[in-house]
Protein backbone atom coordinates (compact mmCIF):
# COMPACT_ATOMS: atom_id res chain seq x y z
CA UNK A 1 116.32 83.13 159.58
CA UNK A 2 116.44 86.75 160.80
CA UNK A 3 118.13 86.84 164.25
CA UNK A 4 115.98 87.71 167.26
CA UNK A 5 118.17 90.52 168.61
CA UNK A 6 117.72 93.90 166.92
CA UNK A 7 121.47 94.49 166.58
CA UNK A 8 122.12 91.13 164.89
CA UNK A 9 118.97 91.45 162.74
CA UNK A 10 120.05 94.86 161.42
CA UNK A 11 123.50 93.47 160.61
CA UNK A 12 122.01 90.47 158.82
CA UNK A 13 119.64 92.67 156.80
CA UNK A 14 122.34 95.16 155.80
CA UNK A 15 124.71 92.38 154.75
CA UNK A 16 121.96 90.19 153.33
CA UNK A 17 120.88 89.45 149.80
CA UNK A 18 117.52 90.05 148.14
CA UNK A 19 115.38 86.92 147.82
CA UNK A 20 112.17 86.40 145.93
CA UNK A 21 109.28 84.83 147.82
CA UNK A 22 105.67 83.92 147.26
CA UNK A 23 103.02 85.77 149.25
CA UNK A 24 99.48 84.95 150.21
CA UNK A 25 96.72 87.29 149.10
CA UNK A 26 93.49 87.49 151.09
CA UNK A 27 90.10 88.53 149.73
CA UNK A 28 90.16 92.31 149.50
CA UNK A 29 93.82 92.33 148.45
CA UNK A 30 95.56 92.21 151.82
CA UNK A 31 98.93 90.44 151.53
CA UNK A 32 100.71 88.21 154.05
CA UNK A 33 104.25 86.88 153.81
CA UNK A 34 104.53 84.47 156.76
CA UNK A 35 101.15 82.97 157.69
CA UNK A 36 97.47 83.58 158.31
CA UNK A 37 95.31 81.53 160.59
CA UNK A 38 92.67 80.89 163.20
CA UNK A 39 92.86 79.38 166.66
CA UNK A 40 95.99 79.35 168.81
CA UNK A 41 97.98 81.75 166.61
CA UNK A 42 95.14 84.30 166.54
CA UNK A 43 94.64 83.89 170.31
CA UNK A 44 98.35 84.54 170.72
CA UNK A 45 98.11 87.77 168.72
CA UNK A 46 94.94 88.91 170.52
CA UNK A 47 96.12 87.92 174.00
CA UNK A 48 99.65 89.36 174.05
CA UNK A 49 99.69 92.89 175.40
CA UNK A 50 101.96 95.63 174.08
CA UNK A 51 103.47 95.96 177.57
CA UNK A 52 104.42 92.28 177.75
CA UNK A 53 105.87 92.40 174.22
CA UNK A 54 108.06 95.36 175.21
CA UNK A 55 109.14 93.65 178.42
CA UNK A 56 109.61 90.05 177.28
CA UNK A 57 109.89 90.25 173.48
CA UNK A 58 109.09 87.02 171.62
CA UNK A 59 108.76 85.13 174.92
CA UNK A 60 105.52 87.01 175.55
CA UNK A 61 104.04 85.39 172.44
CA UNK A 62 105.38 81.98 173.47
CA UNK A 63 103.75 82.21 176.91
CA UNK A 64 100.39 83.23 175.42
CA UNK A 65 100.58 80.45 172.81
CA UNK A 66 101.37 77.81 175.46
CA UNK A 67 98.38 78.94 177.56
CA UNK A 68 96.12 78.82 174.49
CA UNK A 69 97.40 75.36 173.50
CA UNK A 70 96.85 73.93 176.99
CA UNK A 71 93.32 75.38 177.05
CA UNK A 72 92.59 73.19 173.97
CA UNK A 73 89.72 75.40 172.84
CA UNK A 74 88.45 73.53 169.79
CA UNK A 75 86.30 74.77 166.93
CA UNK A 76 84.68 73.29 163.83
CA UNK A 77 86.76 74.00 160.76
CA UNK A 78 85.79 73.58 157.12
CA UNK A 79 88.97 73.85 155.05
CA UNK A 80 88.80 73.88 151.26
CA UNK A 81 92.13 73.31 149.51
CA UNK A 82 92.04 73.76 145.73
CA UNK A 83 88.37 72.76 145.75
CA UNK A 84 88.72 69.72 148.04
CA UNK A 85 86.80 70.07 151.33
CA UNK A 86 88.17 68.82 154.66
CA UNK A 87 86.37 68.96 158.03
CA UNK A 88 88.25 69.09 161.34
CA UNK A 89 87.67 69.74 165.00
CA UNK A 90 90.72 71.96 165.45
CA UNK A 91 92.55 74.11 167.98
CA UNK A 92 94.65 75.83 165.31
CA UNK A 93 94.70 76.13 161.53
CA UNK A 94 97.40 78.06 159.71
CA UNK A 95 97.89 78.89 156.06
CA UNK A 96 101.67 79.04 156.04
CA UNK A 97 104.07 80.42 153.47
CA UNK A 98 107.18 80.12 155.68
CA UNK A 99 107.67 76.90 157.62
CA UNK A 100 109.65 77.83 160.71
CA UNK A 101 109.25 80.05 163.76
CA UNK A 102 111.56 81.13 166.60
CA UNK A 103 114.65 81.17 164.42
CA UNK A 104 114.03 77.69 163.04
CA UNK A 105 113.43 76.06 166.44
CA UNK A 106 109.91 74.97 165.43
CA UNK A 107 108.86 73.79 161.98
CA UNK A 108 105.11 74.04 161.32
CA UNK A 109 104.81 71.29 158.71
CA UNK A 110 106.59 69.15 156.14
CA UNK A 111 108.22 70.69 153.08
CA UNK A 112 106.95 74.25 153.54
CA UNK A 113 108.89 76.58 151.23
CA UNK A 114 108.38 80.28 150.70
CA UNK A 115 109.12 80.12 146.98
CA UNK A 116 107.43 76.97 145.68
CA UNK A 117 104.25 78.58 144.34
CA UNK A 118 102.12 76.89 147.03
CA UNK A 119 100.59 77.64 150.42
CA UNK A 120 100.52 75.01 153.18
CA UNK A 121 97.62 74.30 155.51
CA UNK A 122 98.67 73.07 158.96
CA UNK A 123 95.80 71.93 161.21
CA UNK A 124 96.37 70.92 164.82
CA UNK A 125 93.66 69.21 166.84
CA UNK A 126 94.98 67.91 170.17
CA UNK A 127 92.15 66.54 172.33
CA UNK A 128 94.11 66.15 175.59
CA UNK A 129 97.11 67.59 177.45
CA UNK A 130 99.03 64.48 176.35
CA UNK A 131 98.20 65.30 172.72
CA UNK A 132 99.40 68.90 173.21
CA UNK A 133 102.72 67.63 174.60
CA UNK A 134 103.14 65.06 171.80
CA UNK A 135 102.37 67.59 169.05
CA UNK A 136 104.76 70.13 170.61
CA UNK A 137 107.55 67.55 170.77
CA UNK A 138 106.93 66.42 167.20
CA UNK A 139 107.08 70.00 165.91
CA UNK A 140 110.37 70.54 167.77
CA UNK A 141 111.77 67.30 166.32
CA UNK A 142 110.31 68.05 162.86
CA UNK A 143 108.57 64.68 162.96
CA UNK A 144 105.60 64.81 160.57
CA UNK A 145 104.58 61.17 160.42
CA UNK A 146 100.82 60.51 160.46
CA UNK A 147 99.22 61.70 163.69
CA UNK A 148 95.50 62.08 164.51
CA UNK A 149 96.19 65.56 165.91
CA UNK A 150 98.20 66.89 162.94
CA UNK A 151 96.94 67.38 159.37
CA UNK A 152 98.76 68.92 156.40
CA UNK A 153 97.61 69.95 152.93
CA UNK A 154 99.19 72.02 150.18
CA UNK A 155 97.46 74.12 147.55
CA UNK A 156 97.19 77.39 145.66
CA UNK A 157 93.80 78.50 146.99
CA UNK A 158 92.75 77.79 150.58
CA UNK A 159 89.53 78.76 152.34
CA UNK A 160 89.08 78.38 156.10
CA UNK A 161 85.56 78.71 157.50
CA UNK A 162 84.67 78.75 161.21
CA UNK A 163 81.83 79.79 163.45
CA UNK A 164 80.96 83.40 164.20
CA UNK A 165 83.29 85.32 166.50
CA UNK A 166 86.43 83.26 166.02
CA UNK A 167 89.51 85.51 165.81
CA UNK A 168 91.71 85.27 162.71
CA UNK A 169 95.11 86.80 162.00
CA UNK A 170 97.55 87.44 159.16
CA UNK A 171 101.22 88.18 159.88
CA UNK A 172 100.35 89.18 163.45
CA UNK A 173 97.38 91.45 162.72
CA UNK A 174 93.83 90.48 163.65
CA UNK A 175 91.30 90.10 160.83
CA UNK A 176 87.52 90.55 160.81
CA UNK A 177 85.07 87.92 159.61
CA UNK A 178 84.56 84.17 159.83
CA UNK A 179 86.18 83.15 156.53
CA UNK A 180 89.82 83.31 155.54
CA UNK A 181 90.26 83.06 151.77
CA UNK A 182 93.93 82.94 150.68
CA UNK A 183 95.47 82.56 147.24
CA UNK A 184 99.17 82.27 146.53
CA UNK A 185 100.86 84.94 144.43
CA UNK A 186 103.97 83.14 143.15
CA UNK A 187 107.23 85.07 143.20
CA UNK A 188 107.64 85.49 139.43
CA UNK A 189 104.20 86.97 138.64
CA UNK A 190 104.44 89.09 141.79
CA UNK A 191 107.77 90.53 140.66
CA UNK A 192 106.43 91.25 137.19
CA UNK A 193 103.70 93.35 138.77
CA UNK A 194 106.41 95.61 140.18
CA UNK A 195 106.30 94.68 143.87
CA UNK A 196 110.00 93.73 143.96
CA UNK A 197 109.59 90.84 146.43
């Protein structure tokens, strides 16, 4: 809900209130607040230059994400959610803690809350340009009825495994490796450890 413009964002933050949120913790202790993933979101992070971000702001990410989505580069994904294994041929898989992007314009999945003690896996697997268009429209409309190109799971521990060389990201920073292992740190225990989130 933070406004896109710097001036309005600063005003909102100064006048805002403190909220407590969950965070995701990766193996090695790295923390993410928004989301971690593989596929389109990681391609967006890797493929958006600093120059285009300075020039176009968030639209630079949108353009890169649209190109990556239309390319429909699929990969084999093994996703384990609280011990239950799922296999997908995916173009994107995100472990989300917050559910919306672009100021709430797009919702990534159903019922995603940043303070419910859970992480949400959102897997997208469009096989055609028509699928890409349908999934995009459904995300804009927040329509999460069953769809062969959209899969959602919720859990406390999520492990994403892909083939060698597939880029992964957490909160906009690229990660090494082929496995993303995330565990939720619920807001209350996190606060008790003195992090003040």
